[in-house]
Amino acid sequence: MPLISYAQNFEDVILWRVLKHVDGGFYIDIGAQDPILHSVSLAFYEQGWRGVHVEPTAAFAARLRLARPDEEVIEAAIGKEEDELRFFEIEGTGLSTGDETIARQHEAIGHKVRPVTVLSRRLSTVLDEYKNKEIHWLKIDVEGMEDSVIDSWSPSDVRPWVVVVESTLPGSPQPSHERWEAKILSLG
């Protein structure tokens, strides 16, 4: 069966090239957004894989639940604290963020920004919930909050086979990996 790419930058194709030998794999998609548009997981879902979606925007979390009733959707942001987080929804886009500076940049170019409060969970907590599963890939695409997500991944035995992290500033080709790359490598 041919693989159709839904991801914004062909991340699904690249992951599939590495993992196509795995039957019925498992993924965790942080910053999942829409179940179809720019989805890294949909191509895998269509190949029989299942996983977990972490999405703090209520409208996108509802779309994920409707489109993928056999998968778990965690409606929360990932951050340093298990609490609440001030979040900036940029309606109808995948640009929502917990970073106010980035939100204001989007607002300055005409996007409508709506501050909301969302639940926040640590990445370690989420990963520990699946410590008895083989996690084949973990994607982190959280619009400028990648550093905070990785900071919430305390040392643990949970090791996804592949980790994909957005490595440019939101809406820009400017690299941002220098803020988090050493941290993720230090986790082993």
Protein backbone atom coordinates (compact mmCIF):
# COMPACT_ATOMS: atom_id res chain seq x y z
CA MET A 1 0.00 0.00 0.00
CA PRO A 2 1.51 3.37 -0.98
CA LEU A 3 2.18 5.96 1.69
CA ILE A 4 0.46 9.33 1.28
CA SER A 5 2.18 12.23 3.00
CA TYR A 6 0.07 14.58 5.09
CA ALA A 7 2.86 16.28 7.03
CA GLN A 8 3.98 19.81 6.37
CA ASN A 9 7.62 18.95 5.63
CA PHE A 10 7.36 15.24 4.75
CA GLU A 11 8.29 14.20 8.29
CA ASP A 12 5.94 11.23 7.90
CA VAL A 13 7.78 10.03 4.79
CA ILE A 14 11.16 10.32 6.48
CA LEU A 15 9.90 8.46 9.56
CA TRP A 16 8.27 5.79 7.38
CA ARG A 17 11.53 5.13 5.58
CA VAL A 18 13.11 4.32 8.93
CA LEU A 19 10.19 2.47 10.51
CA LYS A 20 8.22 0.78 7.71
CA HIS A 21 9.46 -2.63 8.86
CA VAL A 22 7.49 -2.23 12.13
CA ASP A 23 3.99 -3.69 12.11
CA GLY A 24 1.41 -1.98 14.31
CA GLY A 25 3.80 0.55 15.81
CA PHE A 26 3.13 3.17 18.47
CA TYR A 27 3.76 6.93 18.50
CA ILE A 28 3.31 9.97 20.71
CA ASP A 29 2.53 13.18 18.83
CA ILE A 30 3.02 16.31 20.95
CA GLY A 31 1.46 19.32 19.28
CA ALA A 32 -0.69 17.05 17.13
CA GLN A 33 -3.04 19.78 15.91
CA ASP A 34 -5.42 18.53 13.18
CA PRO A 35 -6.07 14.83 12.47
CA ILE A 36 -5.46 15.40 8.73
CA LEU A 37 -3.95 18.81 7.89
CA HIS A 38 -0.17 18.79 8.50
CA SER A 39 -0.51 15.52 10.40
CA VAL A 40 2.64 13.49 10.94
CA SER A 41 0.64 10.58 12.36
CA LEU A 42 -2.11 10.08 9.76
CA ALA A 43 0.05 8.15 7.29
CA PHE A 44 1.04 5.80 10.13
CA TYR A 45 -2.56 5.52 11.31
CA GLU A 46 -3.59 4.47 7.81
CA GLN A 47 -0.91 1.76 7.96
CA GLY A 48 -2.38 0.31 11.17
CA TRP A 49 -0.27 2.12 13.74
CA ARG A 50 -1.89 3.69 16.81
CA GLY A 51 -0.73 6.28 19.28
CA VAL A 52 -1.35 9.20 21.58
CA HIS A 53 -1.99 12.79 20.60
CA VAL A 54 -1.15 15.66 22.94
CA GLU A 55 -3.01 18.82 21.91
CA PRO A 56 -3.95 21.75 24.18
CA THR A 57 -6.30 23.52 21.74
CA ALA A 58 -9.81 22.29 22.54
CA ALA A 59 -11.11 22.50 18.96
CA PHE A 60 -8.22 20.43 17.57
CA ALA A 61 -8.43 17.92 20.45
CA ALA A 62 -12.13 17.45 19.63
CA ARG A 63 -11.33 16.89 15.94
CA LEU A 64 -8.72 14.30 16.87
CA ARG A 65 -11.17 12.44 19.13
CA LEU A 66 -13.81 12.42 16.41
CA ALA A 67 -11.46 11.29 13.62
CA ARG A 68 -9.52 8.76 15.71
CA PRO A 69 -11.82 7.29 18.36
CA ASP A 70 -9.45 4.37 18.88
CA GLU A 71 -6.56 6.59 19.98
CA GLU A 72 -5.96 8.57 23.14
CA VAL A 73 -6.03 12.36 23.06
CA ILE A 74 -4.48 14.23 25.96
CA GLU A 75 -5.93 17.73 25.96
CA ALA A 76 -3.05 19.56 27.61
CA ALA A 77 0.15 21.42 26.93
CA ILE A 78 3.47 19.92 27.88
CA GLY A 79 5.55 22.08 30.17
CA LYS A 80 7.76 22.22 33.22
CA GLU A 81 4.89 22.00 35.72
CA GLU A 82 1.91 19.73 36.27
CA ASP A 83 -0.51 22.60 36.60
CA GLU A 84 -2.12 25.16 34.33
CA LEU A 85 -0.47 27.22 31.64
CA ARG A 86 -1.38 30.52 30.02
CA PHE A 87 -1.79 29.62 26.37
CA PHE A 88 -2.39 31.76 23.32
CA GLU A 89 -4.78 30.26 20.78
CA ILE A 90 -4.30 31.54 17.28
CA GLU A 91 -7.64 30.53 15.89
CA GLY A 92 -7.88 28.22 12.93
CA THR A 93 -4.13 27.66 12.72
CA GLY A 94 -1.48 25.36 14.10
CA LEU A 95 0.38 28.39 15.47
CA SER A 96 -1.01 28.43 19.02
CA THR A 97 1.69 28.74 21.66
CA GLY A 98 2.44 29.19 25.34
CA ASP A 99 5.07 31.79 24.44
CA GLU A 100 3.53 35.26 24.68
CA THR A 101 6.27 36.90 22.60
CA ILE A 102 5.58 34.53 19.71
CA ALA A 103 1.83 35.06 20.10
CA ARG A 104 2.27 38.83 19.90
CA GLN A 105 4.38 38.43 16.74
CA HIS A 106 1.49 36.54 15.13
CA GLU A 107 -0.97 39.16 16.35
CA ALA A 108 1.16 41.93 14.80
CA ILE A 109 0.73 40.39 11.36
CA GLY A 110 -3.04 40.11 11.69
CA HIS A 111 -3.77 36.82 13.44
CA LYS A 112 -6.44 36.82 16.13
CA VAL A 113 -4.90 35.73 19.44
CA ARG A 114 -7.03 34.53 22.33
CA PRO A 115 -5.42 33.94 25.73
CA VAL A 116 -6.78 30.86 27.52
CA THR A 117 -5.74 28.67 30.42
CA VAL A 118 -4.98 25.04 29.63
CA LEU A 119 -3.82 22.07 31.66
CA SER A 120 -0.10 21.42 31.63
CA ARG A 121 1.66 18.09 32.07
CA ARG A 122 5.31 17.15 32.20
CA LEU A 123 6.69 15.07 29.33
CA SER A 124 8.10 12.62 31.88
CA THR A 125 4.61 12.00 33.24
CA VAL A 126 3.19 11.30 29.80
CA LEU A 127 6.07 9.02 28.81
CA ASP A 128 5.84 7.11 32.09
CA GLU A 129 2.20 6.28 31.30
CA TYR A 130 3.49 4.30 28.31
CA LYS A 131 6.67 2.86 29.80
CA ASN A 132 5.44 -0.67 29.07
CA LYS A 133 5.03 0.07 25.36
CA GLU A 134 7.67 0.39 22.69
CA ILE A 135 7.45 4.03 21.56
CA HIS A 136 8.61 4.03 17.96
CA TRP A 137 8.50 7.77 17.45
CA LEU A 138 7.92 10.90 19.50
CA LYS A 139 7.23 14.19 17.75
CA ILE A 140 7.54 17.58 19.49
CA ASP A 141 6.13 20.50 17.49
CA VAL A 142 4.98 23.13 19.96
CA GLU A 143 5.56 26.51 18.33
CA GLY A 144 8.56 27.81 20.21
CA MET A 145 8.03 25.81 23.41
CA GLU A 146 10.27 22.88 22.45
CA ASP A 147 12.87 23.89 25.05
CA SER A 148 10.25 23.83 27.82
CA VAL A 149 8.93 20.43 26.70
CA ILE A 150 12.41 18.92 26.69
CA ASP A 151 13.10 20.48 30.11
CA SER A 152 10.10 18.53 31.41
CA TRP A 153 11.63 15.22 30.27
CA SER A 154 13.50 14.23 33.40
CA PRO A 155 15.82 11.25 33.18
CA SER A 156 13.84 8.04 32.77
CA ASP A 157 14.09 4.61 31.23
CA VAL A 158 11.58 5.53 28.51
CA ARG A 159 13.40 5.89 25.19
CA PRO A 160 11.49 6.43 21.95
CA TRP A 161 13.31 4.92 18.97
CA VAL A 162 13.13 8.22 17.06
CA VAL A 163 12.56 11.75 18.33
CA VAL A 164 11.50 14.48 15.90
CA VAL A 165 11.65 18.07 17.18
CA GLU A 166 10.69 21.23 15.31
CA SER A 167 14.02 22.98 14.94
CA THR A 168 13.14 26.38 13.50
CA LEU A 169 11.53 29.42 15.05
CA PRO A 170 7.77 29.56 14.36
CA GLY A 171 7.01 30.93 10.91
CA SER A 172 10.69 31.19 10.08
CA PRO A 173 13.54 29.16 8.59
CA GLN A 174 15.79 30.39 11.44
CA PRO A 175 17.24 27.42 13.36
CA SER A 176 16.32 27.06 17.03
CA HIS A 177 17.88 23.71 17.90
CA GLU A 178 20.77 25.28 19.85
CA ARG A 179 18.34 25.96 22.74
CA TRP A 180 17.45 22.30 23.29
CA GLU A 181 19.74 19.96 21.34
CA ALA A 182 22.35 19.46 24.08
CA LYS A 183 19.56 18.80 26.62
CA ILE A 184 17.95 16.07 24.57
CA LEU A 185 21.30 14.47 23.82
CA SER A 186 22.15 14.51 27.53
CA LEU A 187 19.07 12.37 28.17
CA GLY A 188 20.74 9.57 26.26
